[in-house]
Amino acid sequence: MIKKESTNFNYKLGLNLLMVLALSTVQMLRGSGSQPSMIGVTRCDFHDWALYAILIAIGLAMTLLAIFL
C-alpha cells in the first residue's frame, strides 16, 4: 500500500482533480446571488438546491472511493 501511494501519479490525485472540476462546474451553474446563472438558475430555488445536492453526492462518492480503493 505504501509503494502504491508513494508515487506521484496515483488515482487519488485524479480524484482531487475531478473534485476541483465538479466544484467549478457546479459553482458556474449555480451563479451568483444577484443574477441568474448561465442556465437560468437563481439562488435558493429548487434547481439550485438540486445542484448543491448533486455536488454533495459527488463529494461523498469520491470520499468513499478514496477510502475503499
N, C-alpha and C. Protein backbone atom coordinates (compact mmCIF):
# COMPACT_ATOMS: atom_id res chain seq x y z
N MET A 1 0.82 -1.19 0.00
CA MET A 1 0.00 0.00 0.00
C MET A 1 0.87 1.26 0.00
N ILE A 2 1.95 1.23 0.77
CA ILE A 2 2.84 2.39 0.81
C ILE A 2 3.49 2.61 -0.54
N LYS A 3 3.90 1.53 -1.20
CA LYS A 3 4.52 1.66 -2.51
C LYS A 3 3.53 2.21 -3.53
N LYS A 4 2.25 1.77 -3.45
CA LYS A 4 1.23 2.22 -4.39
C LYS A 4 0.92 3.71 -4.23
N GLU A 5 0.90 4.19 -2.99
CA GLU A 5 0.54 5.58 -2.74
C GLU A 5 1.73 6.52 -2.70
N SER A 6 2.95 6.00 -2.81
CA SER A 6 4.12 6.86 -2.74
C SER A 6 4.51 7.44 -4.10
N THR A 7 3.86 7.02 -5.16
CA THR A 7 4.18 7.57 -6.48
C THR A 7 3.49 8.92 -6.67
N ASN A 8 3.95 9.66 -7.64
CA ASN A 8 3.34 10.96 -7.93
C ASN A 8 2.05 10.84 -8.72
N PHE A 9 1.86 9.74 -9.40
CA PHE A 9 0.68 9.57 -10.26
C PHE A 9 -0.17 8.42 -9.73
N ASN A 10 -0.96 8.69 -8.72
CA ASN A 10 -1.89 7.68 -8.23
C ASN A 10 -3.31 8.15 -8.46
N TYR A 11 -4.26 7.28 -8.23
CA TYR A 11 -5.64 7.60 -8.55
C TYR A 11 -6.22 8.69 -7.64
N LYS A 12 -5.66 8.87 -6.45
CA LYS A 12 -6.20 9.90 -5.55
C LYS A 12 -5.94 11.30 -6.10
N LEU A 13 -4.88 11.47 -6.84
CA LEU A 13 -4.64 12.76 -7.50
C LEU A 13 -5.73 13.03 -8.52
N GLY A 14 -6.13 11.99 -9.25
CA GLY A 14 -7.22 12.13 -10.21
C GLY A 14 -8.54 12.46 -9.53
N LEU A 15 -8.78 11.87 -8.37
CA LEU A 15 -10.00 12.19 -7.63
C LEU A 15 -10.00 13.65 -7.18
N ASN A 16 -8.84 14.14 -6.75
CA ASN A 16 -8.75 15.55 -6.35
C ASN A 16 -9.02 16.47 -7.53
N LEU A 17 -8.46 16.15 -8.68
CA LEU A 17 -8.69 16.99 -9.86
C LEU A 17 -10.15 16.95 -10.30
N LEU A 18 -10.77 15.77 -10.22
CA LEU A 18 -12.19 15.67 -10.56
C LEU A 18 -13.06 16.47 -9.59
N MET A 19 -12.68 16.49 -8.32
CA MET A 19 -13.46 17.26 -7.36
C MET A 19 -13.35 18.76 -7.62
N VAL A 20 -12.17 19.22 -7.98
CA VAL A 20 -12.00 20.64 -8.34
C VAL A 20 -12.85 20.97 -9.57
N LEU A 21 -12.86 20.07 -10.54
CA LEU A 21 -13.69 20.26 -11.73
C LEU A 21 -15.18 20.29 -11.37
N ALA A 22 -15.60 19.39 -10.50
CA ALA A 22 -17.01 19.35 -10.08
C ALA A 22 -17.38 20.61 -9.32
N LEU A 23 -16.52 21.08 -8.43
CA LEU A 23 -16.79 22.31 -7.68
C LEU A 23 -16.91 23.51 -8.61
N SER A 24 -16.00 23.61 -9.56
CA SER A 24 -16.03 24.74 -10.50
C SER A 24 -17.27 24.70 -11.37
N THR A 25 -17.63 23.52 -11.85
CA THR A 25 -18.80 23.39 -12.72
C THR A 25 -20.08 23.74 -11.98
N VAL A 26 -20.23 23.21 -10.78
CA VAL A 26 -21.46 23.49 -10.02
C VAL A 26 -21.53 24.96 -9.65
N GLN A 27 -20.40 25.57 -9.32
CA GLN A 27 -20.42 26.99 -8.99
C GLN A 27 -20.83 27.84 -10.19
N MET A 28 -20.36 27.48 -11.38
CA MET A 28 -20.77 28.23 -12.57
C MET A 28 -22.25 28.00 -12.88
N LEU A 29 -22.73 26.79 -12.66
CA LEU A 29 -24.13 26.50 -12.93
C LEU A 29 -25.06 27.15 -11.90
N ARG A 30 -24.58 27.33 -10.67
CA ARG A 30 -25.41 27.95 -9.64
C ARG A 30 -25.46 29.47 -9.80
N GLY A 31 -24.40 30.09 -10.25
CA GLY A 31 -24.39 31.53 -10.46
C GLY A 31 -24.24 32.30 -9.16
N SER A 32 -24.35 33.62 -9.28
CA SER A 32 -24.23 34.48 -8.11
C SER A 32 -25.62 34.75 -7.54
N GLY A 33 -25.66 35.39 -6.38
CA GLY A 33 -26.95 35.66 -5.75
C GLY A 33 -27.71 36.80 -6.41
N SER A 34 -27.01 37.69 -7.10
CA SER A 34 -27.68 38.87 -7.66
C SER A 34 -28.22 38.64 -9.06
N GLN A 35 -27.65 37.72 -9.80
CA GLN A 35 -28.09 37.45 -11.18
C GLN A 35 -28.27 35.95 -11.38
N PRO A 36 -29.14 35.57 -12.30
CA PRO A 36 -29.28 34.14 -12.60
C PRO A 36 -28.01 33.59 -13.23
N SER A 37 -27.86 32.29 -13.16
CA SER A 37 -26.65 31.65 -13.68
C SER A 37 -26.73 31.50 -15.20
N MET A 38 -25.75 30.77 -15.76
CA MET A 38 -25.69 30.54 -17.20
C MET A 38 -26.90 29.76 -17.70
N ILE A 39 -27.46 28.90 -16.85
CA ILE A 39 -28.60 28.08 -17.26
C ILE A 39 -29.91 28.61 -16.68
N GLY A 40 -29.88 29.81 -16.08
CA GLY A 40 -31.10 30.44 -15.59
C GLY A 40 -31.50 30.07 -14.18
N VAL A 41 -30.59 29.50 -13.41
CA VAL A 41 -30.90 29.10 -12.03
C VAL A 41 -30.63 30.28 -11.11
N THR A 42 -31.57 30.59 -10.25
CA THR A 42 -31.35 31.62 -9.24
C THR A 42 -31.16 30.94 -7.90
N ARG A 43 -30.55 31.67 -6.98
CA ARG A 43 -30.25 31.09 -5.67
C ARG A 43 -31.52 30.76 -4.91
N CYS A 44 -31.45 29.68 -4.15
CA CYS A 44 -32.49 29.22 -3.22
C CYS A 44 -33.76 28.73 -3.90
N ASP A 45 -33.73 28.42 -5.19
CA ASP A 45 -34.89 27.76 -5.79
C ASP A 45 -34.59 26.26 -5.88
N PHE A 46 -35.52 25.50 -6.39
CA PHE A 46 -35.39 24.04 -6.40
C PHE A 46 -34.16 23.58 -7.16
N HIS A 47 -33.92 24.16 -8.32
CA HIS A 47 -32.79 23.73 -9.15
C HIS A 47 -31.44 24.04 -8.48
N ASP A 48 -31.39 25.14 -7.77
CA ASP A 48 -30.17 25.49 -7.05
C ASP A 48 -29.87 24.46 -5.97
N TRP A 49 -30.89 24.06 -5.21
CA TRP A 49 -30.70 23.06 -4.17
C TRP A 49 -30.39 21.69 -4.77
N ALA A 50 -30.95 21.40 -5.92
CA ALA A 50 -30.65 20.12 -6.59
C ALA A 50 -29.19 20.08 -7.02
N LEU A 51 -28.67 21.16 -7.57
CA LEU A 51 -27.26 21.22 -7.95
C LEU A 51 -26.36 21.06 -6.72
N TYR A 52 -26.76 21.69 -5.63
CA TYR A 52 -25.98 21.58 -4.40
C TYR A 52 -26.01 20.14 -3.87
N ALA A 53 -27.15 19.48 -3.95
CA ALA A 53 -27.26 18.09 -3.51
C ALA A 53 -26.41 17.17 -4.39
N ILE A 54 -26.37 17.44 -5.68
CA ILE A 54 -25.53 16.66 -6.59
C ILE A 54 -24.06 16.84 -6.23
N LEU A 55 -23.66 18.06 -5.90
CA LEU A 55 -22.28 18.31 -5.50
C LEU A 55 -21.92 17.54 -4.24
N ILE A 56 -22.83 17.52 -3.28
CA ILE A 56 -22.58 16.77 -2.04
C ILE A 56 -22.48 15.28 -2.34
N ALA A 57 -23.33 14.76 -3.21
CA ALA A 57 -23.28 13.34 -3.57
C ALA A 57 -21.97 13.00 -4.27
N ILE A 58 -21.50 13.86 -5.15
CA ILE A 58 -20.22 13.64 -5.83
C ILE A 58 -19.09 13.64 -4.81
N GLY A 59 -19.12 14.58 -3.88
CA GLY A 59 -18.08 14.63 -2.85
C GLY A 59 -18.07 13.39 -1.98
N LEU A 60 -19.24 12.91 -1.59
CA LEU A 60 -19.31 11.69 -0.79
C LEU A 60 -18.82 10.48 -1.58
N ALA A 61 -19.20 10.40 -2.85
CA ALA A 61 -18.77 9.28 -3.67
C ALA A 61 -17.25 9.27 -3.83
N MET A 62 -16.66 10.43 -4.05
CA MET A 62 -15.20 10.48 -4.20
C MET A 62 -14.50 10.17 -2.89
N THR A 63 -15.08 10.57 -1.78
CA THR A 63 -14.51 10.24 -0.48
C THR A 63 -14.52 8.73 -0.26
N LEU A 64 -15.64 8.09 -0.57
CA LEU A 64 -15.73 6.65 -0.41
C LEU A 64 -14.77 5.91 -1.34
N LEU A 65 -14.63 6.42 -2.56
CA LEU A 65 -13.66 5.81 -3.48
C LEU A 65 -12.24 5.92 -2.94
N ALA A 66 -11.90 7.07 -2.38
CA ALA A 66 -10.56 7.26 -1.86
C ALA A 66 -10.30 6.36 -0.65
N ILE A 67 -11.33 6.09 0.13
CA ILE A 67 -11.16 5.25 1.31
C ILE A 67 -11.05 3.78 0.94
N PHE A 68 -11.93 3.31 0.07
CA PHE A 68 -12.04 1.88 -0.16
C PHE A 68 -11.24 1.35 -1.35
N LEU A 69 -10.67 2.21 -2.18
CA LEU A 69 -9.85 1.71 -3.29
C LEU A 69 -8.39 1.75 -2.97
